[in-house]
Amino acid sequence: MSVEQIKEIVARVVAHRPSGAVENGTGFLVSQNLAITCAHCLGDPEDYAQSTLLRFTSWKRYDNDRKGEVIEIDWDLDVALLRLDQMAQVKLLPLERQSLAEEQWRSFAYPQQVDRDGITLEGRVRDIEGKFHNEEMLELECKEIKTPEDLLHGASGAPIVVARGAIIGILTNQLLQYPKQTLRQGEAIIAAFGRVYALPLKRLAAHPQFKNYLHINVSFGGTYKETYGETKVAYEFYFP
């Protein structure tokens, strides 16, 4: 799976809260008119944006911005579904609920350090039954986290794409080390162990708010046709 194919479906998310605060994150297309991001990229339950700007910076045309309206949101899962105001004519990637330990993964995201340019992320799946705050998550090793200063704020909402070309999860968290209260004030938050966590799509497949929008494939490889949102798309993909 090439980075260019992933870039086509990934957008920088800019969300203006009612309070006036601005949030930045990452999102990706699951159909020509639906996108997913993390709920925390919109704010918090008491103050969050009902609509966002999605900027597809890799599109080589003038109309690379879309407005996204929030149509579903779940703060416990940390997921929001957005409906675009215009169709996106790009090749989509299939969604899968199954994953394998030690699989190689790749993504594209917009952490704050790179702003509008975006950056490629990659690594391997360390644990398909990992835990983050006692919730089932995919535990991922990320090669781009090389020092304690390598924080990925703004990368939340990026797709986790494995070598066979399918999306298996949504990047939600980075493992961080917080300073102890006894340490001096102003001590920095740092990255820990080069780990990030992703919400596995199998949890969305069983969720009552999202399952009617996201038709997530069960098996590896083969050919299938699904209805994604309001658009029917046929895919053909195999093991590399």
Protein backbone atom coordinates (compact mmCIF):
# COMPACT_ATOMS: atom_id res chain seq x y z
CA MET A 1 0.00 0.00 0.00
CA SER A 2 1.57 3.28 -1.13
CA VAL A 3 1.60 6.40 1.01
CA GLU A 4 0.05 8.33 -1.89
CA GLN A 5 -3.06 6.13 -1.78
CA ILE A 6 -3.42 6.75 1.95
CA LYS A 7 -2.89 10.51 1.59
CA GLU A 8 -5.82 10.72 -0.83
CA ILE A 9 -8.32 9.80 1.89
CA VAL A 10 -6.74 11.71 4.82
CA ALA A 11 -7.61 15.27 5.80
CA ARG A 12 -6.44 17.82 8.32
CA VAL A 13 -9.39 18.56 10.62
CA VAL A 14 -9.89 22.12 11.88
CA ALA A 15 -12.70 22.53 14.44
CA HIS A 16 -13.96 25.79 15.98
CA ARG A 17 -15.62 25.25 19.35
CA PRO A 18 -18.58 27.43 20.42
CA SER A 19 -16.27 28.96 23.06
CA GLY A 20 -13.94 30.17 20.30
CA ALA A 21 -11.11 27.68 20.90
CA VAL A 22 -9.71 25.98 17.81
CA GLU A 23 -8.84 22.27 17.69
CA ASN A 24 -6.73 20.50 15.07
CA GLY A 25 -6.64 16.81 14.26
CA THR A 26 -6.75 14.24 11.49
CA GLY A 27 -9.62 12.44 9.77
CA PHE A 28 -10.16 10.08 6.86
CA LEU A 29 -12.80 9.14 4.32
CA VAL A 30 -14.89 6.00 4.73
CA SER A 31 -17.08 6.85 1.73
CA GLN A 32 -17.26 9.63 -0.84
CA ASN A 33 -19.35 11.68 1.59
CA LEU A 34 -18.48 10.38 5.08
CA ALA A 35 -15.35 10.84 7.17
CA ILE A 36 -14.23 9.72 10.63
CA THR A 37 -12.17 11.53 13.24
CA CYS A 38 -11.67 11.35 17.01
CA ALA A 39 -14.29 13.05 19.16
CA HIS A 40 -11.59 14.85 21.15
CA CYS A 41 -10.43 16.53 17.92
CA LEU A 42 -13.69 18.52 18.12
CA GLY A 43 -13.38 19.61 21.76
CA ASP A 44 -15.05 18.10 24.81
CA PRO A 45 -18.64 17.03 25.61
CA GLU A 46 -19.53 20.46 27.05
CA ASP A 47 -17.93 22.49 24.26
CA TYR A 48 -17.38 20.89 20.86
CA ALA A 49 -17.67 21.88 17.20
CA GLN A 50 -20.81 20.71 15.37
CA SER A 51 -19.07 21.18 12.03
CA THR A 52 -15.46 21.13 10.87
CA LEU A 53 -13.20 22.04 7.98
CA LEU A 54 -11.53 19.04 6.34
CA ARG A 55 -8.49 20.02 4.28
CA PHE A 56 -7.23 17.32 1.90
CA THR A 57 -3.77 18.75 1.30
CA SER A 58 -2.64 15.98 -1.06
CA TRP A 59 -5.38 16.65 -3.62
CA LYS A 60 -3.82 18.33 -6.63
CA ARG A 61 -6.75 20.57 -7.42
CA TYR A 62 -8.19 23.83 -6.19
CA ASP A 63 -11.25 22.44 -4.35
CA ASN A 64 -9.46 20.41 -1.67
CA ASP A 65 -11.54 21.68 1.28
CA ARG A 66 -14.76 20.12 2.52
CA LYS A 67 -17.09 21.10 5.33
CA GLY A 68 -17.97 18.20 7.63
CA GLU A 69 -21.15 18.12 9.71
CA VAL A 70 -21.12 15.95 12.84
CA ILE A 71 -23.87 13.35 12.45
CA GLU A 72 -22.78 10.83 15.11
CA ILE A 73 -20.45 11.13 18.09
CA ASP A 74 -19.52 8.82 20.97
CA TRP A 75 -17.29 10.24 23.70
CA ASP A 76 -16.62 6.87 25.32
CA LEU A 77 -15.26 5.43 22.06
CA ASP A 78 -13.77 8.83 21.15
CA VAL A 79 -15.16 8.71 17.61
CA ALA A 80 -17.11 11.19 15.49
CA LEU A 81 -18.68 10.64 12.07
CA LEU A 82 -18.83 13.59 9.66
CA ARG A 83 -20.97 14.10 6.56
CA LEU A 84 -19.24 16.10 3.84
CA ASP A 85 -20.97 18.94 2.03
CA GLN A 86 -19.54 17.74 -1.32
CA MET A 87 -18.65 14.31 -2.66
CA ALA A 88 -14.96 13.35 -2.71
CA GLN A 89 -13.99 11.60 -5.93
CA VAL A 90 -11.15 9.46 -4.63
CA LYS A 91 -10.38 5.75 -4.41
CA LEU A 92 -11.37 4.48 -0.98
CA LEU A 93 -9.63 1.83 1.10
CA PRO A 94 -11.56 -1.17 2.46
CA LEU A 95 -12.38 -1.36 6.16
CA GLU A 96 -11.64 -4.57 8.08
CA ARG A 97 -12.41 -5.75 11.58
CA GLN A 98 -9.61 -8.35 11.73
CA SER A 99 -5.96 -7.71 12.44
CA LEU A 100 -2.82 -9.75 13.08
CA ALA A 101 -0.04 -9.25 15.60
CA GLU A 102 3.29 -8.20 14.04
CA GLU A 103 1.60 -6.82 10.92
CA GLN A 104 3.27 -3.78 9.42
CA TRP A 105 1.10 -0.66 9.39
CA ARG A 106 1.30 2.77 7.81
CA SER A 107 -0.62 6.04 8.11
CA PHE A 108 -0.62 9.73 7.29
CA ALA A 109 -1.47 12.40 9.86
CA TYR A 110 -1.23 16.07 10.80
CA PRO A 111 0.58 16.42 14.14
CA GLN A 112 1.13 20.00 15.30
CA GLN A 113 4.85 19.94 14.55
CA VAL A 114 4.26 19.64 10.79
CA ASP A 115 0.96 21.54 10.66
CA ARG A 116 -0.58 21.57 7.16
CA ASP A 117 2.12 19.45 5.49
CA GLY A 118 1.34 16.18 7.25
CA ILE A 119 3.69 13.30 7.95
CA THR A 120 3.88 9.57 7.22
CA LEU A 121 3.73 7.26 10.25
CA GLU A 122 4.56 3.57 10.25
CA GLY A 123 5.45 0.65 12.47
CA ARG A 124 4.10 -2.73 13.48
CA VAL A 125 1.15 -4.08 15.43
CA ARG A 126 2.44 -5.23 18.83
CA ASP A 127 -0.78 -6.43 20.46
CA ILE A 128 -4.20 -6.90 18.86
CA GLU A 129 -5.79 -7.21 22.32
CA GLY A 130 -3.98 -4.33 23.98
CA LYS A 131 -5.45 -2.20 26.75
CA PHE A 132 -5.50 1.56 27.20
CA HIS A 133 -7.29 2.79 30.34
CA ASN A 134 -8.82 -0.70 30.52
CA GLU A 135 -10.38 -0.40 27.04
CA GLU A 136 -9.61 -2.88 24.25
CA MET A 137 -7.26 -1.22 21.76
CA LEU A 138 -4.63 -2.06 19.17
CA GLU A 139 -1.18 -1.45 20.66
CA LEU A 140 1.17 -0.20 17.96
CA GLU A 141 4.87 0.46 17.72
CA CYS A 142 5.53 3.76 15.89
CA LYS A 143 8.93 4.27 14.24
CA GLU A 144 8.59 8.05 14.20
CA ILE A 145 8.66 8.22 18.01
CA LYS A 146 12.42 8.12 18.54
CA THR A 147 12.91 10.51 21.46
CA PRO A 148 10.83 11.54 24.51
CA GLU A 149 10.08 14.85 22.75
CA ASP A 150 8.34 13.18 19.79
CA LEU A 151 4.72 13.98 20.64
CA LEU A 152 1.96 13.41 18.08
CA HIS A 153 -0.67 15.94 19.17
CA GLY A 154 -2.94 16.42 16.14
CA ALA A 155 -2.37 12.94 14.68
CA SER A 156 -5.48 11.54 16.40
CA GLY A 157 -8.07 10.34 13.91
CA ALA A 158 -5.57 8.97 11.38
CA PRO A 159 -6.29 5.59 9.72
CA ILE A 160 -4.19 2.53 10.55
CA VAL A 161 -3.55 0.82 7.20
CA VAL A 162 -1.89 -2.60 7.02
CA ALA A 163 0.18 -3.97 4.13
CA ARG A 164 -2.75 -5.74 2.47
CA GLY A 165 -4.33 -2.33 1.90
CA ALA A 166 -7.12 -2.36 4.50
CA ILE A 167 -7.88 0.03 7.35
CA ILE A 168 -8.06 -1.82 10.68
CA GLY A 169 -8.20 1.00 13.21
CA ILE A 170 -8.29 4.70 14.12
CA LEU A 171 -5.32 6.31 15.86
CA THR A 172 -6.59 7.69 19.16
CA ASN A 173 -3.85 7.89 21.80
CA GLN A 174 -0.12 8.06 22.39
CA LEU A 175 1.46 6.51 25.45
CA LEU A 176 2.79 9.44 27.48
CA GLN A 177 4.69 9.89 30.72
CA TYR A 178 3.36 12.67 32.91
CA PRO A 179 5.49 14.41 35.55
CA LYS A 180 4.94 13.49 39.18
CA GLN A 181 3.41 16.15 41.39
CA THR A 182 6.55 16.19 43.48
CA LEU A 183 8.65 17.30 40.50
CA ARG A 184 9.27 20.94 39.73
CA GLN A 185 6.47 22.90 38.09
CA GLY A 186 6.68 23.05 34.31
CA GLU A 187 8.16 19.56 33.89
CA ALA A 188 7.39 18.39 30.37
CA ILE A 189 5.08 15.58 29.31
CA ILE A 190 7.14 13.10 27.27
CA ALA A 191 6.57 10.16 24.93
CA ALA A 192 6.97 6.68 26.43
CA PHE A 193 8.19 3.47 24.78
CA GLY A 194 7.36 4.57 21.22
CA ARG A 195 3.78 3.32 21.59
CA VAL A 196 0.49 4.56 20.17
CA TYR A 197 -3.00 3.08 20.43
CA ALA A 198 -5.78 2.67 17.88
CA LEU A 199 -9.46 1.90 18.21
CA PRO A 200 -10.03 -1.39 16.35
CA LEU A 201 -12.74 -1.19 13.71
CA LYS A 202 -14.37 -4.34 15.07
CA ARG A 203 -15.59 -2.23 18.00
CA LEU A 204 -17.29 0.17 15.58
CA ALA A 205 -18.79 -2.73 13.62
CA ALA A 206 -20.84 -3.71 16.69
CA HIS A 207 -21.73 -0.18 17.75
CA PRO A 208 -25.41 0.82 17.25
CA GLN A 209 -24.57 4.41 16.26
CA PHE A 210 -22.01 3.55 13.60
CA LYS A 211 -22.72 0.08 12.22
CA ASN A 212 -25.37 1.33 9.78
CA TYR A 213 -22.88 3.73 8.22
CA LEU A 214 -19.75 1.58 8.21
CA HIS A 215 -19.84 -1.78 6.46
CA ILE A 216 -16.69 -3.39 7.73
CA ASN A 217 -15.38 -6.50 6.03
CA VAL A 218 -14.71 -9.61 8.10
CA SER A 219 -12.25 -11.66 6.03
CA PHE A 220 -8.75 -11.19 4.66
CA GLY A 221 -8.31 -10.83 0.90
CA GLY A 222 -10.76 -11.59 -1.88
CA THR A 223 -13.27 -9.46 -3.73
CA TYR A 224 -16.40 -7.90 -2.29
CA LYS A 225 -18.87 -5.08 -2.78
CA GLU A 226 -20.28 -3.00 0.05
CA THR A 227 -22.44 0.07 0.45
CA TYR A 228 -20.43 2.81 2.14
CA GLY A 229 -22.76 5.54 3.32
CA GLU A 230 -24.67 6.42 0.17
CA THR A 231 -22.15 5.06 -2.37
CA LYS A 232 -21.61 1.48 -3.57
CA VAL A 233 -17.94 0.65 -4.03
CA ALA A 234 -16.28 -2.54 -5.30
CA TYR A 235 -12.82 -3.51 -4.04
CA GLU A 236 -10.35 -6.19 -5.00
CA PHE A 237 -7.40 -6.84 -2.74
CA TYR A 238 -5.11 -9.72 -1.82
CA PHE A 239 -2.26 -10.58 0.47
CA PRO A 240 0.94 -8.87 -0.67
